[in-house]
Protein backbone atom coordinates (compact mmCIF):
# COMPACT_ATOMS: atom_id res chain seq x y z
CA MET A 1 21.60 -37.66 14.60
CA THR A 2 23.27 -35.38 17.05
CA ARG A 3 23.45 -36.79 20.55
CA GLN A 4 21.39 -34.68 23.07
CA PRO A 5 23.98 -32.61 25.00
CA THR A 6 21.88 -32.90 28.16
CA LEU A 7 22.24 -36.77 28.04
CA ASP A 8 25.87 -36.94 27.14
CA TRP A 9 27.20 -36.86 30.69
CA ILE A 10 24.46 -39.14 31.87
CA ILE A 11 25.09 -41.86 29.31
CA SER A 12 28.96 -41.43 29.69
CA GLY A 13 28.63 -41.87 33.44
CA CYS A 14 26.68 -45.02 32.97
CA THR A 15 29.63 -46.83 31.35
CA ALA A 16 30.84 -47.14 34.99
CA LEU A 17 28.08 -49.58 35.44
CA ARG A 18 29.96 -52.26 33.55
CA LEU A 19 31.17 -53.65 36.96
CA LEU A 20 27.82 -53.94 38.40
CA PRO A 21 27.16 -57.49 37.59
CA LEU A 22 30.08 -58.42 39.97
CA VAL A 23 29.17 -55.86 42.78
CA LEU A 24 25.41 -55.33 42.61
CA PRO A 25 24.47 -58.48 44.70
CA MET A 26 26.93 -57.35 47.49
CA VAL A 27 25.74 -53.70 47.32
CA LEU A 28 22.15 -54.77 47.47
CA ALA A 29 22.72 -57.15 50.42
CA ALA A 30 24.58 -54.57 52.38
CA THR A 31 21.93 -51.88 51.72
CA LEU A 32 19.24 -54.33 53.07
CA LEU A 33 21.26 -55.44 56.11
CA LEU A 34 21.78 -51.65 56.83
CA ALA A 35 18.06 -51.11 56.67
CA LEU A 36 17.46 -54.08 58.95
CA SER A 37 20.02 -53.18 61.53
CA SER A 38 18.73 -49.51 61.62
CA GLY A 39 15.30 -50.83 62.46
CA ALA A 40 13.72 -48.23 60.44
CA ALA A 41 13.85 -45.40 62.99
CA ALA A 42 11.51 -43.00 61.37
CA GLU A 43 8.29 -42.46 63.39
CA SER A 44 4.80 -42.42 62.04
CA HIS A 45 3.21 -39.55 60.00
CA ALA A 46 1.35 -38.02 62.82
CA LEU A 47 4.56 -37.39 64.86
CA GLY A 48 6.77 -35.79 62.29
CA ALA A 49 4.39 -33.70 60.16
CA PRO A 50 2.81 -30.41 60.80
CA ALA A 51 -0.87 -30.73 62.05
CA ILE A 52 -3.68 -28.21 61.98
CA ARG A 53 -6.51 -28.99 64.57
CA LEU A 54 -9.88 -27.63 63.50
CA ASP A 55 -12.48 -26.53 66.03
CA SER A 56 -14.51 -29.61 65.12
CA GLY A 57 -11.71 -31.77 66.45
CA ALA A 58 -10.76 -32.94 62.86
CA GLN A 59 -6.95 -32.61 62.00
CA ILE A 60 -5.32 -31.60 58.62
CA ILE A 61 -1.77 -33.04 58.37
CA LEU A 62 0.64 -31.29 55.85
CA GLY A 63 3.16 -33.41 54.01
CA PRO A 64 2.24 -36.80 55.70
CA GLU A 65 4.35 -39.79 55.51
CA GLY A 66 2.98 -43.19 54.61
CA ASP A 67 -0.19 -43.75 52.95
CA PRO A 68 -3.45 -45.60 53.64
CA TYR A 69 -3.19 -47.49 50.32
CA ALA A 70 0.33 -49.37 50.05
CA PRO A 71 1.99 -49.71 46.72
CA TYR A 72 1.80 -53.05 44.98
CA LEU A 73 4.88 -55.24 45.60
CA ALA A 74 4.96 -57.10 42.34
CA ASP A 75 3.75 -54.42 39.97
CA LEU A 76 6.73 -53.47 37.73
CA HIS A 77 4.90 -50.52 36.19
CA SER A 78 4.21 -48.43 39.22
CA ALA A 79 6.20 -45.44 40.43
CA ALA A 80 9.07 -46.73 42.68
CA THR A 81 12.79 -46.39 43.49
CA GLY A 82 15.24 -49.20 42.82
CA MET A 83 17.96 -50.78 40.78
CA HIS A 84 17.71 -54.11 39.13
CA TYR A 85 19.47 -56.67 36.86
CA LEU A 86 17.43 -58.11 34.08
CA ALA A 87 18.15 -61.50 32.33
CA LEU A 88 15.77 -61.93 29.39
CA ALA A 89 14.72 -65.25 27.74
CA GLU A 90 12.61 -63.35 25.42
CA THR A 91 13.95 -59.83 24.66
CA GLY A 92 10.78 -58.47 23.13
CA ILE A 93 12.35 -54.99 22.09
CA PRO A 94 13.99 -55.33 18.77
CA ASP A 95 17.90 -55.02 18.43
CA THR A 96 18.47 -55.33 22.08
CA GLY A 97 20.53 -57.71 24.27
CA SER A 98 19.40 -60.29 26.74
CA ARG A 99 21.10 -58.58 29.76
CA ARG A 100 19.95 -55.09 31.03
CA PHE A 101 19.89 -52.77 33.95
CA ASN A 102 16.80 -51.08 35.07
CA LEU A 103 16.98 -47.91 37.16
CA GLN A 104 13.83 -46.32 38.82
CA ALA A 105 13.36 -43.15 40.82
CA GLY A 106 10.12 -42.07 42.29
CA GLY A 107 7.14 -42.99 44.50
CA ARG A 108 4.10 -41.65 46.16
CA PHE A 109 4.63 -38.41 48.15
CA GLY A 110 1.77 -37.31 50.69
CA LEU A 111 0.58 -33.65 50.18
CA VAL A 112 -2.19 -33.41 52.79
CA ARG A 113 -4.05 -35.77 55.02
CA PHE A 114 -7.55 -35.26 56.66
CA LEU A 115 -8.46 -37.07 59.92
CA PRO A 116 -12.19 -36.81 60.68
CA ALA A 117 -13.15 -35.73 64.21
CA GLY A 118 -13.38 -38.73 66.51
CA ASP A 119 -12.60 -41.09 63.55
CA PRO A 120 -8.86 -40.96 62.94
CA GLU A 121 -8.90 -44.60 61.70
CA HIS A 122 -10.66 -43.46 58.49
CA PRO A 123 -8.29 -40.95 57.06
CA TRP A 124 -8.41 -39.40 53.60
CA GLN A 125 -5.10 -38.47 51.76
CA LEU A 126 -4.14 -36.57 48.57
CA SER A 127 -0.68 -37.51 47.30
CA PHE A 128 1.43 -36.77 44.22
CA GLU A 129 2.69 -39.93 42.50
CA GLY A 130 5.52 -39.71 39.95
CA GLY A 131 8.62 -41.47 38.77
CA LEU A 132 11.09 -42.42 36.04
CA ASP A 133 11.94 -45.84 34.70
CA ALA A 134 14.97 -46.28 32.50
CA GLN A 135 16.56 -49.37 30.89
CA PHE A 136 20.18 -49.74 29.81
CA ASP A 137 21.52 -52.38 27.41
CA ILE A 138 24.51 -54.20 28.80
CA GLU A 139 25.22 -55.89 25.54
CA HIS A 140 25.48 -52.60 23.67
CA SER A 141 27.78 -50.45 25.67
CA LEU A 142 25.11 -49.76 28.01
CA ASP A 143 23.03 -47.81 25.62
CA ASN A 144 19.89 -46.15 27.14
CA ILE A 145 17.04 -48.04 25.41
CA GLY A 146 14.42 -45.61 26.70
CA TRP A 147 12.49 -44.48 29.67
CA ASP A 148 9.03 -43.95 30.90
CA GLY A 149 7.90 -40.94 32.95
CA ASN A 150 4.64 -40.88 34.98
CA TYR A 151 3.03 -38.47 37.37
CA GLY A 152 -0.37 -37.87 38.84
CA LEU A 153 -2.66 -37.12 41.80
CA VAL A 154 -4.33 -39.90 43.85
CA VAL A 155 -6.62 -39.92 46.75
CA THR A 156 -6.65 -42.82 49.25
CA THR A 157 -8.74 -43.69 52.24
CA THR A 158 -9.45 -46.51 54.61
CA VAL A 159 -13.13 -47.51 54.27
CA LYS A 160 -13.10 -49.88 57.05
CA PRO A 161 -10.29 -51.66 58.98
CA GLY A 162 -8.52 -53.77 56.41
CA THR A 163 -10.19 -52.21 53.32
CA ASN A 164 -8.80 -49.25 51.51
CA LEU A 165 -9.66 -47.29 48.48
CA LYS A 166 -7.69 -45.39 45.82
CA PHE A 167 -8.74 -43.23 42.94
CA GLY A 168 -7.06 -40.52 40.83
CA THR A 169 -5.49 -39.58 37.57
CA VAL A 170 -2.07 -40.46 36.30
CA HIS A 171 -0.11 -39.41 33.18
CA THR A 172 2.31 -41.76 31.38
CA SER A 173 4.64 -40.96 28.55
CA SER A 174 7.46 -42.96 26.93
CA HIS A 175 10.77 -41.95 25.29
CA LEU A 176 13.53 -43.68 23.42
CA GLY A 177 17.26 -43.29 24.17
CA ASP A 178 19.29 -41.39 21.72
CA GLU A 179 21.88 -44.14 21.31
CA TYR A 180 19.14 -46.72 20.53
CA MET A 181 17.64 -44.30 17.91
CA GLN A 182 21.00 -43.87 16.32
CA ARG A 183 21.92 -47.50 16.14
CA THR A 184 18.41 -48.77 14.89
CA GLY A 185 16.95 -45.86 13.26
CA ARG A 186 13.81 -46.34 15.30
CA THR A 187 11.60 -43.26 15.90
CA ARG A 188 9.19 -42.64 18.61
CA ILE A 189 5.52 -43.68 18.16
CA GLY A 190 4.72 -40.92 20.71
CA TYR A 191 3.11 -43.18 23.43
CA LEU A 192 1.01 -41.29 25.85
CA ARG A 193 -1.69 -42.14 28.44
CA GLU A 194 -3.78 -39.92 30.60
CA GLU A 195 -5.75 -42.27 32.90
CA ILE A 196 -8.30 -42.13 35.64
CA LEU A 197 -8.20 -45.21 38.04
CA LEU A 198 -10.07 -46.68 40.73
CA ALA A 199 -8.75 -49.43 43.15
CA VAL A 200 -9.62 -51.45 46.32
CA ASP A 201 -7.62 -53.65 48.51
CA GLN A 202 -8.60 -56.05 51.27
CA ARG A 203 -6.57 -57.62 54.12
CA LEU A 204 -7.39 -61.30 54.73
CA GLY A 205 -6.07 -61.78 58.27
CA LYS A 206 -2.73 -60.41 59.32
CA TRP A 207 -0.37 -61.43 56.51
CA ILE A 208 -2.53 -61.64 53.27
CA ARG A 209 -3.61 -58.76 51.01
CA ILE A 210 -5.54 -58.82 47.58
CA TYR A 211 -6.33 -55.89 45.47
CA VAL A 212 -8.27 -55.05 42.18
CA GLU A 213 -7.69 -51.99 40.05
CA GLY A 214 -9.26 -50.55 36.78
CA GLY A 215 -8.10 -47.74 34.74
CA PHE A 216 -9.57 -45.86 31.70
CA SER A 217 -7.64 -43.45 29.53
CA TYR A 218 -9.34 -40.32 28.39
CA ALA A 219 -6.35 -39.08 26.20
CA ARG A 220 -3.87 -41.08 24.34
CA GLY A 221 -0.96 -40.54 21.94
CA ASP A 222 -0.72 -40.63 18.16
CA SER A 223 -0.53 -44.44 17.79
CA HIS A 224 -3.86 -45.75 16.45
CA GLN A 225 -3.23 -48.95 18.50
CA GLU A 226 -3.58 -47.29 21.82
CA LYS A 227 -6.82 -48.22 23.67
CA PRO A 228 -8.44 -46.92 26.87
CA GLY A 229 -9.10 -50.01 29.17
CA ARG A 230 -6.81 -51.48 31.72
CA LEU A 231 -7.37 -54.12 34.50
CA GLN A 232 -5.19 -55.24 37.29
CA THR A 233 -5.38 -57.69 40.24
CA GLY A 234 -2.97 -59.28 42.60
CA VAL A 235 -2.26 -61.10 46.00
CA GLU A 236 0.45 -60.56 48.49
CA TRP A 237 1.65 -62.52 51.51
CA GLU A 238 4.06 -60.94 53.92
CA LYS A 239 5.46 -62.68 57.12
CA THR A 240 7.42 -60.20 59.34
CA ARG A 241 8.44 -59.88 62.86
CA PRO A 242 9.28 -56.63 64.99
CA LEU A 243 12.67 -55.21 64.51
CA GLY A 244 13.49 -51.82 66.08
CA ALA A 245 10.67 -49.37 65.13
CA GLY A 246 9.71 -51.42 62.13
CA ARG A 247 9.37 -54.99 60.95
CA ALA A 248 11.42 -57.40 58.75
CA GLY A 249 10.81 -60.67 57.24
CA TRP A 250 9.78 -62.43 53.93
CA TYR A 251 7.21 -61.78 51.26
CA LEU A 252 5.59 -63.46 48.21
CA ALA A 253 3.50 -61.42 45.61
CA ALA A 254 1.75 -61.97 42.33
CA ASP A 255 0.50 -59.32 40.03
CA PHE A 256 -1.66 -59.72 36.90
CA SER A 257 -2.64 -56.97 34.56
CA ALA A 258 -4.19 -56.65 31.09
CA MET A 259 -4.80 -53.82 28.73
CA GLU A 260 -7.27 -53.38 25.90
CA GLU A 261 -4.48 -52.26 23.54
CA ARG A 262 -2.92 -55.60 23.92
CA ASN A 263 -6.17 -57.41 23.34
CA TRP A 264 -6.38 -58.13 27.02
CA LYS A 265 -3.23 -60.41 27.18
CA VAL A 266 -2.50 -61.05 30.77
CA ASP A 267 0.85 -59.86 32.02
CA THR A 268 2.21 -61.91 34.91
CA ALA A 269 4.81 -60.95 37.59
CA LEU A 270 5.74 -63.27 40.46
CA GLN A 271 8.07 -61.91 43.12
CA ALA A 272 9.68 -63.10 46.28
CA GLY A 273 12.14 -61.76 48.75
CA LEU A 274 13.23 -60.01 52.02
CA ILE A 275 11.41 -57.06 53.26
CA SER A 276 12.15 -54.50 56.01
CA ARG A 277 9.23 -52.03 56.87
CA SER A 278 9.35 -48.71 58.82
CA PRO A 279 6.21 -46.85 59.61
CA THR A 280 6.65 -44.87 56.36
CA ARG A 281 8.51 -47.04 53.71
CA ALA A 282 9.65 -50.51 52.83
CA TRP A 283 12.89 -51.78 51.62
CA ARG A 284 12.88 -54.96 49.43
CA LEU A 285 15.54 -57.36 48.17
CA GLY A 286 13.88 -59.76 45.86
CA ALA A 287 13.71 -61.79 42.64
CA THR A 288 11.02 -61.61 39.95
CA PHE A 289 9.68 -63.83 37.18
CA TYR A 290 7.96 -61.66 34.57
CA ARG A 291 6.13 -62.18 31.28
CA GLY A 292 4.30 -59.22 29.66
CA ARG A 293 4.49 -55.94 28.12
CA PRO A 294 7.82 -54.06 28.66
CA THR A 295 8.08 -51.27 31.19
CA LEU A 296 9.09 -49.12 28.29
CA SER A 297 5.64 -48.21 26.80
CA GLU A 298 7.05 -47.35 23.36
CA PHE A 299 7.10 -51.08 22.88
CA PHE A 300 3.73 -51.76 24.50
CA ASP A 301 2.76 -54.21 21.73
CA LYS A 302 5.85 -56.43 22.40
CA THR A 303 6.19 -59.32 25.01
CA GLN A 304 9.12 -60.02 27.20
CA THR A 305 10.06 -63.00 29.42
CA LEU A 306 12.62 -62.28 31.88
CA GLY A 307 14.09 -62.74 35.49
CA ILE A 308 14.81 -59.71 37.64
CA PHE A 309 17.09 -59.35 40.73
CA GLY A 310 17.32 -56.22 42.65
CA LEU A 311 16.37 -53.70 45.26
CA TRP A 312 13.06 -51.69 45.66
CA VAL A 313 12.33 -48.92 47.91
CA ASP A 314 8.54 -48.14 48.46
CA LEU A 315 8.24 -44.48 49.34
């Protein structure tokens, strides 16, 4: 098979990542310290984004920053930005090594926010959510095993103080790396998922958050094994203190998900680390224990057990 020209320079450049096992912890620590020392100087969405005030007193904010419904801290399958070192006790994916790098780029980006007249504490926001999630095999010349791409539109709102709602539609498609395909002869199953989702979260006091989410796919790929149902729940504890314009401290998070196409096996992610929050984003340096389906959906029927160390940026 001829290597895709558009990927040649990406894969060649990734060979420079061979030194990352030595420098990654230092880079991540330095990045987090920079975020902490800067104090997250960004101001809130209402100060930096264009606003249109209607005669009724309601406001429409274009390109708002932040979101009423925060990303899940321990969810490895959501759109995010980050770089992670993976050590696998159970590789799951055939013909792959037990050490990998995971690279993510993406997040949730506000398009428009509506603030009702006299009730700005109950906003409605439309956002674009999208990202890429790729894995590279350290033990096979940093071959790109594959990548998932996802995008969609979500609507979020604050129902009452401490309670938020999210609903929308999200597309997920999965792809294999050309080196992995050349080496193993594996071809794509064409994993595809078009899903509608509904979620609610609840704050319990100042530091604890719980959430429940459900999804149902209305369009799927060619694999007869793909099924529509998905359930997810989790709990997060975060203890921070003021630092500059933001906050910083520790967090613990657990995420549990199950999919009908995996016969409702529960995927478990447990994460702990340092967190620095600005009014519009969060920087996290943490470690994760995970057992469940790979983040590469071409292998959704496999199970992995692994530890993760890395940096996440929630946009």
